[in-house]
Amino acid sequence: MIQRRFVIAGLACCLAIVSVDAGNFLVPQQPANAQSSTNKNVIVAMTTSIEDSGLLDDLVPAFQKKTGYILKKVAVGTGQALALAEKGEVDALFVNSPKAERKVLQSGAVINRHLVMHNDFVIVGPANPDKAKIRGKKNAVEALSLIAKNQALFVSRGDDSGTNKLEKDLWQEAKITPAGNWYQQTGSGMAKTLQIANQKLGYTLVDRATYIFQKKNISSLQVLVEGDRKLLNLYHVLEVNSQKFPKVNSAGAKAFINFVLSSEGQKIIAAHGKKEFREPLFIVDAGKTEKDYGF
């Protein structure tokens, strides 16, 4: 179980909850209880793609400077992040598996779910040879079917992440149960999985931000399949319910959620990648919902 650190009693003053200016979709600020008001640490479980895309390098220092909180990240697959929330072992989530998130939201373990940003998933692989002949395909299910038909190596994260959950849904839609030597699971995050696919000249499913950020290290892999609506990648923040888990730092969770939704947080996210890659790695979505994208 994740260890929580509490600031010793006797601090001269409590942390101030920062007000932000992103609009009425922000989480309402509430008076913190005695426990959370003296806790500078806010534990956020997040999908590994947020870390592997380099976004935290820009986001975390600004958040800590603005709020006075210290962000303790737990970078895991979305499935593991949601499991931690269901045990009350983290304060907030930053994840990318809408269907799984909604189930935990309905259970009451998390509250205050907000869309922050999006990008998309792509299928990458070796362009020469493209054994499965998927280059230029617009249908992800068709592409996976061709990979399976040709027994071309596919490297899966196999870690119950949002990426892995989407991959499983696509295989199910293709009516294929992937197995055999051609299908390998790493049990690792996106960056490591990309490295393995690059070494073995295999295909894999990856979020575009991580692919772009890691591209210099994976020269054998190119984007072969993109543009399918099924590959939209939505990221939400959620607060773990302090009514159900009293040890949760509710004030810290609210401060984090409000920061990434604020104009300052959204500007940081929107700018990430532009200088180095000449394109943003994420599109900001504060104030929008899944309905804006047809879900």
C-alpha atoms as a PDB file:
ATOM      1  CA  MET A   1       0.000   0.000   0.000  1.00  0.00           C
ATOM      2  CA  ILE A   2       1.289   3.445  -0.932  1.00  0.00           C
ATOM      3  CA  GLN A   3       2.784   5.253   2.068  1.00  0.00           C
ATOM      4  CA  ARG A   4       1.273   8.653   2.792  1.00  0.00           C
ATOM      5  CA  ARG A   5       3.392  11.360   4.322  1.00  0.00           C
ATOM      6  CA  PHE A   6       1.787  13.860   6.620  1.00  0.00           C
ATOM      7  CA  VAL A   7       3.401  17.129   7.638  1.00  0.00           C
ATOM      8  CA  ILE A   8       3.985  17.251  11.400  1.00  0.00           C
ATOM      9  CA  ALA A   9       1.484  19.040  13.548  1.00  0.00           C
ATOM     10  CA  GLY A  10       2.402  22.536  14.582  1.00  0.00           C
ATOM     11  CA  LEU A  11       2.891  24.098  11.160  1.00  0.00           C
ATOM     12  CA  ALA A  12       2.339  27.818  11.362  1.00  0.00           C
ATOM     13  CA  CYS A  13      -0.389  27.840   8.759  1.00  0.00           C
ATOM     14  CA  CYS A  14      -2.330  25.617   6.423  1.00  0.00           C
ATOM     15  CA  LEU A  15      -1.882  25.487   2.683  1.00  0.00           C
ATOM     16  CA  ALA A  16      -4.097  27.876   0.804  1.00  0.00           C
ATOM     17  CA  ILE A  17      -6.389  26.426  -1.836  1.00  0.00           C
ATOM     18  CA  VAL A  18      -5.634  28.265  -5.052  1.00  0.00           C
ATOM     19  CA  SER A  19      -8.485  29.725  -7.048  1.00  0.00           C
ATOM     20  CA  VAL A  20      -8.285  29.365 -10.817  1.00  0.00           C
ATOM     21  CA  ASP A  21      -9.991  30.962 -13.773  1.00  0.00           C
ATOM     22  CA  ALA A  22     -10.996  28.260 -16.218  1.00  0.00           C
ATOM     23  CA  GLY A  23     -14.744  28.586 -15.746  1.00  0.00           C
ATOM     24  CA  ASN A  24     -17.675  26.941 -14.033  1.00  0.00           C
ATOM     25  CA  PHE A  25     -16.539  23.398 -14.868  1.00  0.00           C
ATOM     26  CA  LEU A  26     -13.926  23.507 -12.127  1.00  0.00           C
ATOM     27  CA  VAL A  27     -14.229  21.426  -8.981  1.00  0.00           C
ATOM     28  CA  PRO A  28     -15.800  23.613  -6.254  1.00  0.00           C
ATOM     29  CA  GLN A  29     -13.348  24.439  -3.512  1.00  0.00           C
ATOM     30  CA  GLN A  30     -14.377  23.218  -0.075  1.00  0.00           C
ATOM     31  CA  PRO A  31     -12.879  23.877   3.345  1.00  0.00           C
ATOM     32  CA  ALA A  32     -10.223  21.238   3.944  1.00  0.00           C
ATOM     33  CA  ASN A  33     -10.432  19.112   7.052  1.00  0.00           C
ATOM     34  CA  ALA A  34      -7.647  19.288   9.632  1.00  0.00           C
ATOM     35  CA  GLN A  35      -5.931  16.252   8.172  1.00  0.00           C
ATOM     36  CA  SER A  36      -5.814  17.288   4.514  1.00  0.00           C
ATOM     37  CA  SER A  37      -5.082  20.948   5.247  1.00  0.00           C
ATOM     38  CA  THR A  38      -1.666  20.076   6.677  1.00  0.00           C
ATOM     39  CA  ASN A  39      -0.750  17.534   4.012  1.00  0.00           C
ATOM     40  CA  LYS A  40       1.456  19.014   1.299  1.00  0.00           C
ATOM     41  CA  ASN A  41       1.656  15.771  -0.705  1.00  0.00           C
ATOM     42  CA  VAL A  42      -0.939  14.958  -3.328  1.00  0.00           C
ATOM     43  CA  ILE A  43      -0.693  11.453  -4.783  1.00  0.00           C
ATOM     44  CA  VAL A  44      -1.808  11.203  -8.402  1.00  0.00           C
ATOM     45  CA  ALA A  45      -2.008   7.865 -10.208  1.00  0.00           C
ATOM     46  CA  MET A  46      -1.660   8.375 -13.927  1.00  0.00           C
ATOM     47  CA  THR A  47      -1.286   6.373 -17.079  1.00  0.00           C
ATOM     48  CA  THR A  48       2.327   5.888 -18.130  1.00  0.00           C
ATOM     49  CA  SER A  49       1.786   7.694 -21.443  1.00  0.00           C
ATOM     50  CA  ILE A  50       1.529  10.996 -19.573  1.00  0.00           C
ATOM     51  CA  GLU A  51       5.006  10.428 -18.167  1.00  0.00           C
ATOM     52  CA  ASP A  52       6.442   8.790 -21.310  1.00  0.00           C
ATOM     53  CA  SER A  53       5.347  11.754 -23.445  1.00  0.00           C
ATOM     54  CA  GLY A  54       7.320  14.163 -21.260  1.00  0.00           C
ATOM     55  CA  LEU A  55       4.260  16.178 -20.221  1.00  0.00           C
ATOM     56  CA  LEU A  56       5.045  15.940 -16.502  1.00  0.00           C
ATOM     57  CA  ASP A  57       8.339  17.751 -17.015  1.00  0.00           C
ATOM     58  CA  ASP A  58       6.337  20.849 -17.961  1.00  0.00           C
ATOM     59  CA  LEU A  59       3.233  20.369 -15.830  1.00  0.00           C
ATOM     60  CA  VAL A  60       4.518  19.336 -12.404  1.00  0.00           C
ATOM     61  CA  PRO A  61       6.903  22.241 -11.655  1.00  0.00           C
ATOM     62  CA  ALA A  62       4.208  24.769 -12.594  1.00  0.00           C
ATOM     63  CA  PHE A  63       1.597  23.006 -10.450  1.00  0.00           C
ATOM     64  CA  GLN A  64       3.884  22.845  -7.428  1.00  0.00           C
ATOM     65  CA  LYS A  65       4.926  26.479  -7.760  1.00  0.00           C
ATOM     66  CA  LYS A  66       1.328  27.650  -8.153  1.00  0.00           C
ATOM     67  CA  THR A  67      -0.227  25.650  -5.329  1.00  0.00           C
ATOM     68  CA  GLY A  68       2.504  24.755  -2.846  1.00  0.00           C
ATOM     69  CA  TYR A  69       1.573  21.088  -3.090  1.00  0.00           C
ATOM     70  CA  ILE A  70       4.141  18.383  -3.847  1.00  0.00           C
ATOM     71  CA  LEU A  71       2.939  16.000  -6.533  1.00  0.00           C
ATOM     72  CA  LYS A  72       3.723  12.333  -5.908  1.00  0.00           C
ATOM     73  CA  LYS A  73       3.153  10.548  -9.202  1.00  0.00           C
ATOM     74  CA  VAL A  74       2.301   6.876  -9.539  1.00  0.00           C
ATOM     75  CA  ALA A  75       2.799   6.074 -13.228  1.00  0.00           C
ATOM     76  CA  VAL A  76       1.006   2.794 -13.978  1.00  0.00           C
ATOM     77  CA  GLY A  77      -1.506   1.428 -16.438  1.00  0.00           C
ATOM     78  CA  THR A  78      -4.985   2.905 -16.162  1.00  0.00           C
ATOM     79  CA  GLY A  79      -6.353  -0.385 -14.825  1.00  0.00           C
ATOM     80  CA  GLN A  80      -3.853  -0.337 -11.958  1.00  0.00           C
ATOM     81  CA  ALA A  81      -4.525   3.356 -11.331  1.00  0.00           C
ATOM     82  CA  LEU A  82      -8.258   2.705 -11.048  1.00  0.00           C
ATOM     83  CA  ALA A  83      -7.590  -0.222  -8.691  1.00  0.00           C
ATOM     84  CA  LEU A  84      -5.563   2.075  -6.430  1.00  0.00           C
ATOM     85  CA  ALA A  85      -8.436   4.554  -6.404  1.00  0.00           C
ATOM     86  CA  GLU A  86     -10.893   1.821  -5.450  1.00  0.00           C
ATOM     87  CA  LYS A  87      -8.748   1.181  -2.358  1.00  0.00           C
ATOM     88  CA  GLY A  88      -8.380   4.850  -1.497  1.00  0.00           C
ATOM     89  CA  GLU A  89      -4.605   4.642  -1.893  1.00  0.00           C
ATOM     90  CA  VAL A  90      -4.253   7.739  -4.089  1.00  0.00           C
ATOM     91  CA  ASP A  91      -5.824  11.189  -4.070  1.00  0.00           C
ATOM     92  CA  ALA A  92      -6.520  11.765  -7.769  1.00  0.00           C
ATOM     93  CA  LEU A  93      -6.329  10.079 -11.168  1.00  0.00           C
ATOM     94  CA  PHE A  94      -5.171  11.221 -14.623  1.00  0.00           C
ATOM     95  CA  VAL A  95      -6.129   8.376 -16.942  1.00  0.00           C
ATOM     96  CA  ASN A  96      -7.337   7.434 -20.427  1.00  0.00           C
ATOM     97  CA  SER A  97      -9.843   4.590 -20.436  1.00  0.00           C
ATOM     98  CA  PRO A  98     -13.332   6.156 -20.444  1.00  0.00           C
ATOM     99  CA  LYS A  99     -15.309   2.908 -20.237  1.00  0.00           C
ATOM    100  CA  ALA A 100     -13.321   1.646 -17.237  1.00  0.00           C
ATOM    101  CA  GLU A 101     -13.419   5.079 -15.594  1.00  0.00           C
ATOM    102  CA  ARG A 102     -17.207   5.215 -15.785  1.00  0.00           C
ATOM    103  CA  LYS A 103     -17.505   1.903 -13.941  1.00  0.00           C
ATOM    104  CA  VAL A 104     -15.390   3.149 -11.039  1.00  0.00           C
ATOM    105  CA  LEU A 105     -17.269   6.448 -11.055  1.00  0.00           C
ATOM    106  CA  GLN A 106     -20.560   4.582 -10.710  1.00  0.00           C
ATOM    107  CA  SER A 107     -19.173   2.655  -7.734  1.00  0.00           C
ATOM    108  CA  GLY A 108     -18.647   5.903  -5.839  1.00  0.00           C
ATOM    109  CA  ALA A 109     -14.899   5.414  -5.390  1.00  0.00           C
ATOM    110  CA  VAL A 110     -14.172   8.498  -7.496  1.00  0.00           C
ATOM    111  CA  ILE A 111     -15.988  11.756  -8.154  1.00  0.00           C
ATOM    112  CA  ASN A 112     -15.571  14.973 -10.153  1.00  0.00           C
ATOM    113  CA  ARG A 113     -14.540  13.476 -13.486  1.00  0.00           C
ATOM    114  CA  HIS A 114     -13.419  16.033 -16.073  1.00  0.00           C
ATOM    115  CA  LEU A 115     -12.065  15.819 -19.606  1.00  0.00           C
ATOM    116  CA  VAL A 116      -8.628  17.487 -19.810  1.00  0.00           C
ATOM    117  CA  MET A 117      -7.162  16.728 -23.240  1.00  0.00           C
ATOM    118  CA  HIS A 118      -6.971  14.240 -26.067  1.00  0.00           C
ATOM    119  CA  ASN A 119      -4.800  12.921 -28.834  1.00  0.00           C
ATOM    120  CA  ASP A 120      -5.133   9.683 -30.769  1.00  0.00           C
ATOM    121  CA  PHE A 121      -3.746   6.194 -30.976  1.00  0.00           C
ATOM    122  CA  VAL A 122      -1.856   4.918 -33.999  1.00  0.00           C
ATOM    123  CA  ILE A 123      -0.601   1.519 -35.086  1.00  0.00           C
ATOM    124  CA  VAL A 124       3.108   1.616 -35.757  1.00  0.00           C
ATOM    125  CA  GLY A 125       5.434  -0.948 -37.258  1.00  0.00           C
ATOM    126  CA  PRO A 126       8.276  -1.510 -39.708  1.00  0.00           C
ATOM    127  CA  ALA A 127       7.596   0.062 -43.096  1.00  0.00           C
ATOM    128  CA  ASN A 128      10.047  -2.253 -44.839  1.00  0.00           C
ATOM    129  CA  PRO A 129       9.065  -4.968 -44.680  1.00  0.00           C
ATOM    130  CA  ASP A 130       5.429  -4.291 -43.795  1.00  0.00           C
ATOM    131  CA  LYS A 131       4.689  -8.008 -43.468  1.00  0.00           C
ATOM    132  CA  ALA A 132       1.007  -7.512 -42.648  1.00  0.00           C
ATOM    133  CA  LYS A 133       0.510  -4.961 -45.453  1.00  0.00           C
ATOM    134  CA  ILE A 134      -1.377  -2.518 -43.238  1.00  0.00           C
ATOM    135  CA  ARG A 135       0.278   0.723 -44.325  1.00  0.00           C
ATOM    136  CA  GLY A 136      -2.336   3.364 -45.155  1.00  0.00           C
ATOM    137  CA  LYS A 137      -5.275   1.432 -43.744  1.00  0.00           C
ATOM    138  CA  LYS A 138      -7.893   3.621 -42.044  1.00  0.00           C
ATOM    139  CA  ASN A 139      -9.656   0.844 -40.183  1.00  0.00           C
ATOM    140  CA  ALA A 140      -7.866  -0.346 -37.029  1.00  0.00           C
ATOM    141  CA  VAL A 141      -9.849  -3.582 -36.778  1.00  0.00           C
ATOM    142  CA  GLU A 142      -8.998  -4.475 -40.373  1.00  0.00           C
ATOM    143  CA  ALA A 143      -5.337  -3.752 -39.667  1.00  0.00           C
ATOM    144  CA  LEU A 144      -5.232  -6.033 -36.644  1.00  0.00           C
ATOM    145  CA  SER A 145      -7.007  -8.746 -38.628  1.00  0.00           C
ATOM    146  CA  LEU A 146      -4.274  -8.556 -41.273  1.00  0.00           C
ATOM    147  CA  ILE A 147      -1.559  -8.719 -38.611  1.00  0.00           C
ATOM    148  CA  ALA A 148      -3.130 -11.877 -37.195  1.00  0.00           C
ATOM    149  CA  LYS A 149      -3.731 -13.400 -40.641  1.00  0.00           C
ATOM    150  CA  ASN A 150      -0.098 -12.909 -41.619  1.00  0.00           C
ATOM    151  CA  GLN A 151       1.221 -14.001 -38.202  1.00  0.00           C
ATOM    152  CA  ALA A 152       3.205 -10.747 -38.092  1.00  0.00           C
ATOM    153  CA  LEU A 153       4.739  -9.924 -34.729  1.00  0.00           C
ATOM    154  CA  PHE A 154       2.524  -7.741 -32.560  1.00  0.00           C
ATOM    155  CA  VAL A 155       3.941  -6.409 -29.286  1.00  0.00           C
ATOM    156  CA  SER A 156       1.261  -5.691 -26.695  1.00  0.00           C
ATOM    157  CA  ARG A 157       1.680  -3.784 -23.461  1.00  0.00           C
ATOM    158  CA  GLY A 158      -0.344  -6.470 -21.695  1.00  0.00           C
ATOM    159  CA  ASP A 159      -0.547  -4.294 -18.596  1.00  0.00           C
ATOM    160  CA  ASP A 160      -4.274  -3.429 -18.335  1.00  0.00           C
ATOM    161  CA  SER A 161      -3.497   0.168 -19.319  1.00  0.00           C
ATOM    162  CA  GLY A 162      -5.913   2.327 -21.292  1.00  0.00           C
ATOM    163  CA  THR A 163      -3.913   1.446 -24.401  1.00  0.00           C
ATOM    164  CA  ASN A 164      -4.124  -2.259 -23.607  1.00  0.00           C
ATOM    165  CA  LYS A 165      -7.851  -2.029 -22.887  1.00  0.00           C
ATOM    166  CA  LEU A 166      -8.461  -0.412 -26.272  1.00  0.00           C
ATOM    167  CA  GLU A 167      -6.316  -3.043 -27.985  1.00  0.00           C
ATOM    168  CA  LYS A 168      -8.392  -5.805 -26.370  1.00  0.00           C
ATOM    169  CA  ASP A 169     -11.610  -4.134 -27.547  1.00  0.00           C
ATOM    170  CA  LEU A 170     -10.268  -3.978 -31.105  1.00  0.00           C
ATOM    171  CA  TRP A 171      -9.252  -7.650 -31.080  1.00  0.00           C
ATOM    172  CA  GLN A 172     -12.697  -8.537 -29.744  1.00  0.00           C
ATOM    173  CA  GLU A 173     -14.351  -6.546 -32.513  1.00  0.00           C
ATOM    174  CA  ALA A 174     -12.170  -8.399 -35.002  1.00  0.00           C
ATOM    175  CA  LYS A 175     -13.342 -11.672 -33.401  1.00  0.00           C
ATOM    176  CA  ILE A 176      -9.737 -12.704 -32.821  1.00  0.00           C
ATOM    177  CA  THR A 177      -8.129 -14.057 -29.661  1.00  0.00           C
ATOM    178  CA  PRO A 178      -4.461 -13.203 -30.190  1.00  0.00           C
ATOM    179  CA  ALA A 179      -2.104 -15.997 -29.151  1.00  0.00           C
ATOM    180  CA  GLY A 180       1.014 -17.736 -30.325  1.00  0.00           C
ATOM    181  CA  ASN A 181       4.573 -16.711 -31.082  1.00  0.00           C
ATOM    182  CA  TRP A 182       3.462 -13.756 -33.192  1.00  0.00           C
ATOM    183  CA  TYR A 183       1.720 -12.110 -30.205  1.00  0.00           C
ATOM    184  CA  GLN A 184       4.006 -11.010 -27.366  1.00  0.00           C
ATOM    185  CA  GLN A 185       3.086  -9.111 -24.197  1.00  0.00           C
ATOM    186  CA  THR A 186       5.628  -6.965 -22.373  1.00  0.00           C
ATOM    187  CA  GLY A 187       3.751  -6.205 -19.160  1.00  0.00           C
ATOM    188  CA  SER A 188       5.454  -2.814 -19.369  1.00  0.00           C
ATOM    189  CA  GLY A 189       4.694   0.820 -20.086  1.00  0.00           C
ATOM    190  CA  MET A 190       4.473   2.395 -23.508  1.00  0.00           C
ATOM    191  CA  ALA A 191       8.086   3.528 -23.837  1.00  0.00           C
ATOM    192  CA  LYS A 192       9.472   0.082 -23.025  1.00  0.00           C
ATOM    193  CA  THR A 193       6.956  -1.611 -25.307  1.00  0.00           C
ATOM    194  CA  LEU A 194       7.961   0.668 -28.169  1.00  0.00           C
ATOM    195  CA  GLN A 195      11.615  -0.180 -27.614  1.00  0.00           C
ATOM    196  CA  ILE A 196      10.880  -3.902 -27.783  1.00  0.00           C
ATOM    197  CA  ALA A 197       8.742  -3.508 -30.917  1.00  0.00           C
ATOM    198  CA  ASN A 198      11.554  -1.476 -32.469  1.00  0.00           C
ATOM    199  CA  GLN A 199      14.179  -4.115 -31.660  1.00  0.00           C
ATOM    200  CA  LYS A 200      12.050  -6.991 -32.921  1.00  0.00           C
ATOM    201  CA  LEU A 201      10.538  -5.153 -35.917  1.00  0.00           C
ATOM    202  CA  GLY A 202       7.033  -5.706 -34.625  1.00  0.00           C
ATOM    203  CA  TYR A 203       3.767  -3.784 -34.719  1.00  0.00           C
ATOM    204  CA  THR A 204       2.185  -2.139 -31.714  1.00  0.00           C
ATOM    205  CA  LEU A 205      -0.593   0.245 -30.672  1.00  0.00           C
ATOM    206  CA  VAL A 206       0.646   3.511 -29.182  1.00  0.00           C
ATOM    207  CA  ASP A 207      -0.660   6.945 -28.287  1.00  0.00           C
ATOM    208  CA  ARG A 208       0.670   9.521 -30.723  1.00  0.00           C
ATOM    209  CA  ALA A 209       2.253  11.727 -28.033  1.00  0.00           C
ATOM    210  CA  THR A 210       4.472   8.960 -26.689  1.00  0.00           C
ATOM    211  CA  TYR A 211       5.401   7.860 -30.216  1.00  0.00           C
ATOM    212  CA  ILE A 212       6.478  11.375 -31.191  1.00  0.00           C
ATOM    213  CA  PHE A 213       8.359  11.924 -27.932  1.00  0.00           C
ATOM    214  CA  GLN A 214      10.171   8.581 -28.206  1.00  0.00           C
ATOM    215  CA  LYS A 215      10.642   8.633 -31.990  1.00  0.00           C
ATOM    216  CA  LYS A 216      14.363   9.380 -31.861  1.00  0.00           C
ATOM    217  CA  ASN A 217      14.860   6.072 -29.998  1.00  0.00           C
ATOM    218  CA  ILE A 218      12.670   3.897 -32.245  1.00  0.00           C
ATOM    219  CA  SER A 219      13.892   4.547 -35.773  1.00  0.00           C
ATOM    220  CA  SER A 220      12.530   1.265 -37.153  1.00  0.00           C
ATOM    221  CA  LEU A 221       8.902   2.123 -36.403  1.00  0.00           C
ATOM    222  CA  GLN A 222       6.641   4.310 -38.540  1.00  0.00           C
ATOM    223  CA  VAL A 223       2.982   5.275 -38.256  1.00  0.00           C
ATOM    224  CA  LEU A 224       1.160   2.853 -40.540  1.00  0.00           C
ATOM    225  CA  VAL A 225      -2.480   3.153 -39.435  1.00  0.00           C
ATOM    226  CA  GLU A 226      -4.183   6.325 -38.217  1.00  0.00           C
ATOM    227  CA  GLY A 227      -7.402   8.311 -38.496  1.00  0.00           C
ATOM    228  CA  ASP A 228      -9.911   5.725 -37.269  1.00  0.00           C
ATOM    229  CA  ARG A 229     -12.472   7.317 -34.927  1.00  0.00           C
ATOM    230  CA  LYS A 230     -12.059   4.304 -32.635  1.00  0.00           C
ATOM    231  CA  LEU A 231      -8.492   5.472 -31.982  1.00  0.00           C
ATOM    232  CA  LEU A 232      -9.461   8.730 -30.252  1.00  0.00           C
ATOM    233  CA  ASN A 233      -7.613   8.951 -26.928  1.00  0.00           C
ATOM    234  CA  LEU A 234      -9.404  10.934 -24.200  1.00  0.00           C
ATOM    235  CA  TYR A 235      -7.724  11.816 -20.889  1.00  0.00           C
ATOM    236  CA  HIS A 236      -9.741  12.573 -17.747  1.00  0.00           C
ATOM    237  CA  VAL A 237      -8.901  13.658 -14.209  1.00  0.00           C
ATOM    238  CA  LEU A 238     -10.878  12.297 -11.270  1.00  0.00           C
ATOM    239  CA  GLU A 239     -10.886  12.897  -7.526  1.00  0.00           C
ATOM    240  CA  VAL A 240     -10.875   9.937  -5.173  1.00  0.00           C
ATOM    241  CA  ASN A 241     -13.916  10.200  -2.906  1.00  0.00           C
ATOM    242  CA  SER A 242     -12.857  11.398   0.564  1.00  0.00           C
ATOM    243  CA  GLN A 243     -16.323  10.605   1.904  1.00  0.00           C
ATOM    244  CA  LYS A 244     -15.560   6.959   1.254  1.00  0.00           C
ATOM    245  CA  PHE A 245     -11.835   7.147   2.035  1.00  0.00           C
ATOM    246  CA  PRO A 246     -11.188   9.686   4.838  1.00  0.00           C
ATOM    247  CA  LYS A 247      -7.396   9.596   4.428  1.00  0.00           C
ATOM    248  CA  VAL A 248      -7.611  11.004   0.905  1.00  0.00           C
ATOM    249  CA  ASN A 249      -6.133  14.486   0.516  1.00  0.00           C
ATOM    250  CA  SER A 250      -9.284  15.997  -0.958  1.00  0.00           C
ATOM    251  CA  ALA A 251      -7.958  19.559  -0.955  1.00  0.00           C
ATOM    252  CA  GLY A 252      -4.795  18.488  -2.771  1.00  0.00           C
ATOM    253  CA  ALA A 253      -6.778  16.463  -5.319  1.00  0.00           C
ATOM    254  CA  LYS A 254      -9.036  19.442  -6.029  1.00  0.00           C
ATOM    255  CA  ALA A 255      -6.022  21.723  -6.409  1.00  0.00           C
ATOM    256  CA  PHE A 256      -4.485  19.362  -8.978  1.00  0.00           C
ATOM    257  CA  ILE A 257      -7.711  18.943 -10.937  1.00  0.00           C
ATOM    258  CA  ASN A 258      -8.369  22.670 -10.962  1.00  0.00           C
ATOM    259  CA  PHE A 259      -4.828  23.423 -12.080  1.00  0.00           C
ATOM    260  CA  VAL A 260      -4.875  21.136 -15.144  1.00  0.00           C
ATOM    261  CA  LEU A 261      -8.277  22.594 -16.079  1.00  0.00           C
ATOM    262  CA  SER A 262      -7.228  26.211 -15.504  1.00  0.00           C
ATOM    263  CA  SER A 263      -6.112  28.511 -18.296  1.00  0.00           C
ATOM    264  CA  GLU A 264      -2.510  28.205 -17.065  1.00  0.00           C
ATOM    265  CA  GLY A 265      -2.602  24.409 -16.988  1.00  0.00           C
ATOM    266  CA  GLN A 266      -4.282  24.187 -20.371  1.00  0.00           C
ATOM    267  CA  LYS A 267      -1.717  26.530 -21.933  1.00  0.00           C
ATOM    268  CA  ILE A 268       1.105  24.332 -20.621  1.00  0.00           C
ATOM    269  CA  ILE A 269      -0.529  21.204 -22.053  1.00  0.00           C
ATOM    270  CA  ALA A 270      -1.308  22.873 -25.392  1.00  0.00           C
ATOM    271  CA  ALA A 271       2.277  24.099 -25.740  1.00  0.00           C
ATOM    272  CA  HIS A 272       3.917  20.776 -24.880  1.00  0.00           C
ATOM    273  CA  GLY A 273       5.831  19.481 -27.887  1.00  0.00           C
ATOM    274  CA  LYS A 274       5.523  22.575 -30.074  1.00  0.00           C
ATOM    275  CA  LYS A 275       9.059  23.826 -29.538  1.00  0.00           C
ATOM    276  CA  GLU A 276      10.792  20.462 -29.879  1.00  0.00           C
ATOM    277  CA  PHE A 277       8.558  18.708 -32.389  1.00  0.00           C
ATOM    278  CA  ARG A 278       6.782  21.648 -34.061  1.00  0.00           C
ATOM    279  CA  GLU A 279       3.420  20.198 -33.152  1.00  0.00           C
ATOM    280  CA  PRO A 280       1.444  19.830 -29.913  1.00  0.00           C
ATOM    281  CA  LEU A 281       1.355  16.358 -28.396  1.00  0.00           C
ATOM    282  CA  PHE A 282      -2.095  16.938 -26.872  1.00  0.00           C
ATOM    283  CA  ILE A 283      -5.205  18.937 -27.736  1.00  0.00           C
ATOM    284  CA  VAL A 284      -6.745  20.639 -24.692  1.00  0.00           C
ATOM    285  CA  ASP A 285     -10.392  19.995 -23.796  1.00  0.00           C
ATOM    286  CA  ALA A 286     -11.242  21.828 -20.552  1.00  0.00           C
ATOM    287  CA  GLY A 287     -14.969  22.541 -20.476  1.00  0.00           C
ATOM    288  CA  LYS A 288     -15.788  19.780 -22.975  1.00  0.00           C
ATOM    289  CA  THR A 289     -17.171  16.301 -22.362  1.00  0.00           C
ATOM    290  CA  GLU A 290     -17.160  12.984 -24.182  1.00  0.00           C
ATOM    291  CA  LYS A 291     -20.438  14.017 -25.815  1.00  0.00           C
ATOM    292  CA  ASP A 292     -18.540  16.647 -27.790  1.00  0.00           C
ATOM    293  CA  TYR A 293     -16.769  13.728 -29.491  1.00  0.00           C
ATOM    294  CA  GLY A 294     -19.863  11.633 -30.048  1.00  0.00           C
ATOM    295  CA  PHE A 295     -19.527   9.321 -27.019  1.00  0.00           C
END
